[in-house]
Amino acid sequence: MEIMEPCRTASEVSDLMTPDPVTVLPTTPVGEVWRIMAERRFRHMLVSEESSGLLGLVSQRDILAGAQSADLRIESDVRPIRELMIRSVDTVRPECCAAEAARYMLSSKRSCLPVVDDSGALVGILTEADFMRLATRGVPPCTCGGVTVGA
């Protein structure tokens, strides 16, 4: 039997995640979810019910594909979001090593992971943006000229 060394990274998922994420009900109309995502500049929305916990996840891409296939304008789409959400969602625990979560996200091409506690209750969301914030935390602005916008 191999004994694994404890994780020695500086960050846990709980250090990076956005706690208490915004969620919508499965009955929320697609157009309303799209509006919330646009206003808050989200690329993902968690679908949850207090009694059932996390039910699914929907991305901007899912909504765009769903509207295109139904030939609908997204803003006026009254279908419930449960029709477009992904039901089988990978999750991570808050005490998980952030580096391991990042490796999983890279290898599985996931851009976010809902964070659930031991009872399965939704406590946060971990996104690519959280890792960008980590990478730039405490780093002063660069004098190299930066990014060229709109070239």
C-alpha atoms as a PDB file:
ATOM      1  CA  MET A   1       0.000   0.000   0.000  1.00  0.00           C
ATOM      2  CA  GLU A   2       1.373   3.365  -1.048  1.00  0.00           C
ATOM      3  CA  ILE A   3       1.090   6.204   1.433  1.00  0.00           C
ATOM      4  CA  MET A   4       0.612   9.530  -0.291  1.00  0.00           C
ATOM      5  CA  GLU A   5       2.261  12.658   1.022  1.00  0.00           C
ATOM      6  CA  PRO A   6      -0.121  15.394   2.138  1.00  0.00           C
ATOM      7  CA  CYS A   7      -0.650  18.219  -0.298  1.00  0.00           C
ATOM      8  CA  ARG A   8       1.844  21.020   0.280  1.00  0.00           C
ATOM      9  CA  THR A   9       0.346  23.751  -1.868  1.00  0.00           C
ATOM     10  CA  ALA A  10      -0.328  27.168  -0.444  1.00  0.00           C
ATOM     11  CA  SER A  11      -3.902  27.437  -1.690  1.00  0.00           C
ATOM     12  CA  GLU A  12      -7.058  25.465  -1.212  1.00  0.00           C
ATOM     13  CA  VAL A  13     -10.109  25.861  -3.422  1.00  0.00           C
ATOM     14  CA  SER A  14     -11.758  27.821  -0.577  1.00  0.00           C
ATOM     15  CA  ASP A  15      -8.974  30.432  -0.840  1.00  0.00           C
ATOM     16  CA  LEU A  16      -9.797  31.165  -4.494  1.00  0.00           C
ATOM     17  CA  MET A  17     -13.473  30.382  -5.055  1.00  0.00           C
ATOM     18  CA  THR A  18     -16.310  32.860  -5.202  1.00  0.00           C
ATOM     19  CA  PRO A  19     -18.394  32.009  -2.133  1.00  0.00           C
ATOM     20  CA  ASP A  20     -22.202  31.998  -2.117  1.00  0.00           C
ATOM     21  CA  PRO A  21     -22.567  31.979  -5.902  1.00  0.00           C
ATOM     22  CA  VAL A  22     -25.522  33.465  -7.708  1.00  0.00           C
ATOM     23  CA  THR A  23     -27.912  30.722  -8.797  1.00  0.00           C
ATOM     24  CA  VAL A  24     -31.160  30.464 -10.707  1.00  0.00           C
ATOM     25  CA  LEU A  25     -34.068  28.079 -10.368  1.00  0.00           C
ATOM     26  CA  PRO A  26     -34.609  25.400 -13.026  1.00  0.00           C
ATOM     27  CA  THR A  27     -37.850  27.182 -13.964  1.00  0.00           C
ATOM     28  CA  THR A  28     -36.143  30.521 -14.644  1.00  0.00           C
ATOM     29  CA  PRO A  29     -36.686  31.540 -18.289  1.00  0.00           C
ATOM     30  CA  VAL A  30     -33.644  31.306 -20.556  1.00  0.00           C
ATOM     31  CA  GLY A  31     -33.950  35.004 -21.476  1.00  0.00           C
ATOM     32  CA  GLU A  32     -33.824  36.029 -17.819  1.00  0.00           C
ATOM     33  CA  VAL A  33     -30.757  33.849 -17.178  1.00  0.00           C
ATOM     34  CA  TRP A  34     -29.069  35.415 -20.218  1.00  0.00           C
ATOM     35  CA  ARG A  35     -29.844  38.920 -18.885  1.00  0.00           C
ATOM     36  CA  ILE A  36     -28.450  38.099 -15.413  1.00  0.00           C
ATOM     37  CA  MET A  37     -25.305  36.631 -16.951  1.00  0.00           C
ATOM     38  CA  ALA A  38     -24.813  39.713 -19.146  1.00  0.00           C
ATOM     39  CA  GLU A  39     -25.384  42.174 -16.301  1.00  0.00           C
ATOM     40  CA  ARG A  40     -22.994  40.361 -13.965  1.00  0.00           C
ATOM     41  CA  ARG A  41     -20.520  39.430 -16.714  1.00  0.00           C
ATOM     42  CA  PHE A  42     -20.818  35.700 -15.951  1.00  0.00           C
ATOM     43  CA  ARG A  43     -19.972  32.964 -18.429  1.00  0.00           C
ATOM     44  CA  HIS A  44     -21.602  30.278 -16.258  1.00  0.00           C
ATOM     45  CA  MET A  45     -24.728  30.074 -14.154  1.00  0.00           C
ATOM     46  CA  LEU A  46     -25.454  27.436 -11.550  1.00  0.00           C
ATOM     47  CA  VAL A  47     -28.961  26.016 -11.395  1.00  0.00           C
ATOM     48  CA  SER A  48     -30.066  25.138  -7.897  1.00  0.00           C
ATOM     49  CA  GLU A  49     -33.027  24.673  -5.599  1.00  0.00           C
ATOM     50  CA  GLU A  50     -32.732  25.022  -1.863  1.00  0.00           C
ATOM     51  CA  SER A  51     -34.376  21.649  -1.263  1.00  0.00           C
ATOM     52  CA  SER A  52     -32.399  19.787  -3.948  1.00  0.00           C
ATOM     53  CA  GLY A  53     -29.091  21.628  -3.994  1.00  0.00           C
ATOM     54  CA  LEU A  54     -27.097  21.851  -7.208  1.00  0.00           C
ATOM     55  CA  LEU A  55     -29.147  20.630 -10.167  1.00  0.00           C
ATOM     56  CA  GLY A  56     -27.055  21.762 -13.098  1.00  0.00           C
ATOM     57  CA  LEU A  57     -24.926  24.317 -14.858  1.00  0.00           C
ATOM     58  CA  VAL A  58     -25.457  26.399 -17.963  1.00  0.00           C
ATOM     59  CA  SER A  59     -22.869  28.356 -19.924  1.00  0.00           C
ATOM     60  CA  GLN A  60     -23.181  31.191 -22.415  1.00  0.00           C
ATOM     61  CA  ARG A  61     -22.262  28.672 -25.096  1.00  0.00           C
ATOM     62  CA  ASP A  62     -25.127  26.354 -24.037  1.00  0.00           C
ATOM     63  CA  ILE A  63     -27.617  29.203 -24.243  1.00  0.00           C
ATOM     64  CA  LEU A  64     -26.342  30.399 -27.626  1.00  0.00           C
ATOM     65  CA  ALA A  65     -26.499  26.869 -29.045  1.00  0.00           C
ATOM     66  CA  GLY A  66     -29.982  26.315 -27.615  1.00  0.00           C
ATOM     67  CA  ALA A  67     -31.319  29.535 -29.078  1.00  0.00           C
ATOM     68  CA  GLN A  68     -29.772  28.854 -32.461  1.00  0.00           C
ATOM     69  CA  SER A  69     -31.181  25.333 -32.655  1.00  0.00           C
ATOM     70  CA  ALA A  70     -34.651  26.631 -31.734  1.00  0.00           C
ATOM     71  CA  ASP A  71     -34.275  29.685 -33.994  1.00  0.00           C
ATOM     72  CA  LEU A  72     -35.169  31.993 -31.092  1.00  0.00           C
ATOM     73  CA  ARG A  73     -34.002  35.394 -29.878  1.00  0.00           C
ATOM     74  CA  ILE A  74     -32.289  34.714 -26.572  1.00  0.00           C
ATOM     75  CA  GLU A  75     -33.719  37.762 -24.805  1.00  0.00           C
ATOM     76  CA  SER A  76     -37.297  36.632 -25.419  1.00  0.00           C
ATOM     77  CA  ASP A  77     -36.735  32.900 -24.836  1.00  0.00           C
ATOM     78  CA  VAL A  78     -39.257  31.815 -22.184  1.00  0.00           C
ATOM     79  CA  ARG A  79     -38.234  28.157 -22.044  1.00  0.00           C
ATOM     80  CA  PRO A  80     -37.134  27.082 -18.553  1.00  0.00           C
ATOM     81  CA  ILE A  81     -33.353  26.939 -18.174  1.00  0.00           C
ATOM     82  CA  ARG A  82     -33.620  23.263 -17.174  1.00  0.00           C
ATOM     83  CA  GLU A  83     -34.098  22.528 -20.890  1.00  0.00           C
ATOM     84  CA  LEU A  84     -30.570  23.777 -21.661  1.00  0.00           C
ATOM     85  CA  MET A  85     -28.632  23.080 -18.468  1.00  0.00           C
ATOM     86  CA  ILE A  86     -26.020  20.377 -18.096  1.00  0.00           C
ATOM     87  CA  ARG A  87     -27.235  17.979 -15.427  1.00  0.00           C
ATOM     88  CA  SER A  88     -24.127  15.921 -14.824  1.00  0.00           C
ATOM     89  CA  VAL A  89     -21.755  18.436 -13.262  1.00  0.00           C
ATOM     90  CA  ASP A  90     -18.283  17.799 -11.890  1.00  0.00           C
ATOM     91  CA  THR A  91     -17.762  19.389  -8.476  1.00  0.00           C
ATOM     92  CA  VAL A  92     -14.911  20.050  -6.072  1.00  0.00           C
ATOM     93  CA  ARG A  93     -14.727  20.374  -2.287  1.00  0.00           C
ATOM     94  CA  PRO A  94     -13.512  23.610  -0.646  1.00  0.00           C
ATOM     95  CA  GLU A  95     -10.607  21.864   1.110  1.00  0.00           C
ATOM     96  CA  CYS A  96      -9.274  20.437  -2.158  1.00  0.00           C
ATOM     97  CA  CYS A  97      -5.853  21.570  -3.304  1.00  0.00           C
ATOM     98  CA  ALA A  98      -6.290  24.474  -5.744  1.00  0.00           C
ATOM     99  CA  ALA A  99      -3.470  23.157  -7.951  1.00  0.00           C
ATOM    100  CA  GLU A 100      -5.209  19.793  -8.268  1.00  0.00           C
ATOM    101  CA  ALA A 101      -8.473  21.522  -9.171  1.00  0.00           C
ATOM    102  CA  ALA A 102      -6.595  23.544 -11.811  1.00  0.00           C
ATOM    103  CA  ARG A 103      -5.014  20.392 -13.246  1.00  0.00           C
ATOM    104  CA  TYR A 104      -8.432  18.755 -13.457  1.00  0.00           C
ATOM    105  CA  MET A 105      -9.946  21.816 -15.132  1.00  0.00           C
ATOM    106  CA  LEU A 106      -7.138  21.848 -17.706  1.00  0.00           C
ATOM    107  CA  SER A 107      -7.238  18.134 -18.466  1.00  0.00           C
ATOM    108  CA  SER A 108     -11.039  17.975 -18.694  1.00  0.00           C
ATOM    109  CA  LYS A 109     -11.367  21.346 -20.452  1.00  0.00           C
ATOM    110  CA  ARG A 110     -13.686  22.709 -17.758  1.00  0.00           C
ATOM    111  CA  SER A 111     -13.751  26.452 -17.243  1.00  0.00           C
ATOM    112  CA  CYS A 112     -15.496  26.233 -13.881  1.00  0.00           C
ATOM    113  CA  LEU A 113     -16.236  23.844 -11.047  1.00  0.00           C
ATOM    114  CA  PRO A 114     -19.065  24.247  -8.541  1.00  0.00           C
ATOM    115  CA  VAL A 115     -17.797  23.895  -4.974  1.00  0.00           C
ATOM    116  CA  VAL A 116     -19.836  21.708  -2.615  1.00  0.00           C
ATOM    117  CA  ASP A 117     -19.354  20.824   1.034  1.00  0.00           C
ATOM    118  CA  ASP A 118     -19.444  17.347   2.607  1.00  0.00           C
ATOM    119  CA  SER A 119     -23.251  17.344   2.605  1.00  0.00           C
ATOM    120  CA  GLY A 120     -23.382  18.312  -1.084  1.00  0.00           C
ATOM    121  CA  ALA A 121     -24.534  21.859  -0.381  1.00  0.00           C
ATOM    122  CA  LEU A 122     -23.346  24.443  -2.899  1.00  0.00           C
ATOM    123  CA  VAL A 123     -20.857  26.800  -1.208  1.00  0.00           C
ATOM    124  CA  GLY A 124     -19.014  28.417  -4.121  1.00  0.00           C
ATOM    125  CA  ILE A 125     -17.800  28.344  -7.684  1.00  0.00           C
ATOM    126  CA  LEU A 126     -14.222  28.090  -8.937  1.00  0.00           C
ATOM    127  CA  THR A 127     -13.527  29.605 -12.358  1.00  0.00           C
ATOM    128  CA  GLU A 128     -10.605  30.278 -14.666  1.00  0.00           C
ATOM    129  CA  ALA A 129     -10.819  33.919 -13.580  1.00  0.00           C
ATOM    130  CA  ASP A 130     -10.034  32.874 -10.004  1.00  0.00           C
ATOM    131  CA  PHE A 131      -6.739  31.403 -11.193  1.00  0.00           C
ATOM    132  CA  MET A 132      -5.991  34.568 -13.195  1.00  0.00           C
ATOM    133  CA  ARG A 133      -6.486  36.604 -10.026  1.00  0.00           C
ATOM    134  CA  LEU A 134      -4.142  34.226  -8.177  1.00  0.00           C
ATOM    135  CA  ALA A 135      -1.485  34.533 -10.893  1.00  0.00           C
ATOM    136  CA  THR A 136      -1.558  38.314 -10.735  1.00  0.00           C
ATOM    137  CA  ARG A 137      -2.015  38.729  -6.968  1.00  0.00           C
ATOM    138  CA  GLY A 138       0.647  41.031  -5.600  1.00  0.00           C
ATOM    139  CA  VAL A 139       2.290  41.534  -8.988  1.00  0.00           C
ATOM    140  CA  PRO A 140       2.851  45.220  -9.796  1.00  0.00           C
ATOM    141  CA  PRO A 141       1.822  46.555 -13.210  1.00  0.00           C
ATOM    142  CA  CYS A 142       4.391  45.768 -15.885  1.00  0.00           C
ATOM    143  CA  THR A 143       6.303  48.419 -17.806  1.00  0.00           C
ATOM    144  CA  CYS A 144       6.721  46.303 -20.973  1.00  0.00           C
ATOM    145  CA  GLY A 145       3.870  48.019 -22.787  1.00  0.00           C
ATOM    146  CA  GLY A 146       1.223  45.469 -21.914  1.00  0.00           C
ATOM    147  CA  VAL A 147      -1.478  44.142 -24.160  1.00  0.00           C
ATOM    148  CA  THR A 148      -2.328  45.838 -27.442  1.00  0.00           C
ATOM    149  CA  VAL A 149      -6.085  46.308 -27.512  1.00  0.00           C
ATOM    150  CA  GLY A 150      -7.954  46.260 -30.807  1.00  0.00           C
ATOM    151  CA  ALA A 151      -4.947  45.880 -33.039  1.00  0.00           C
END
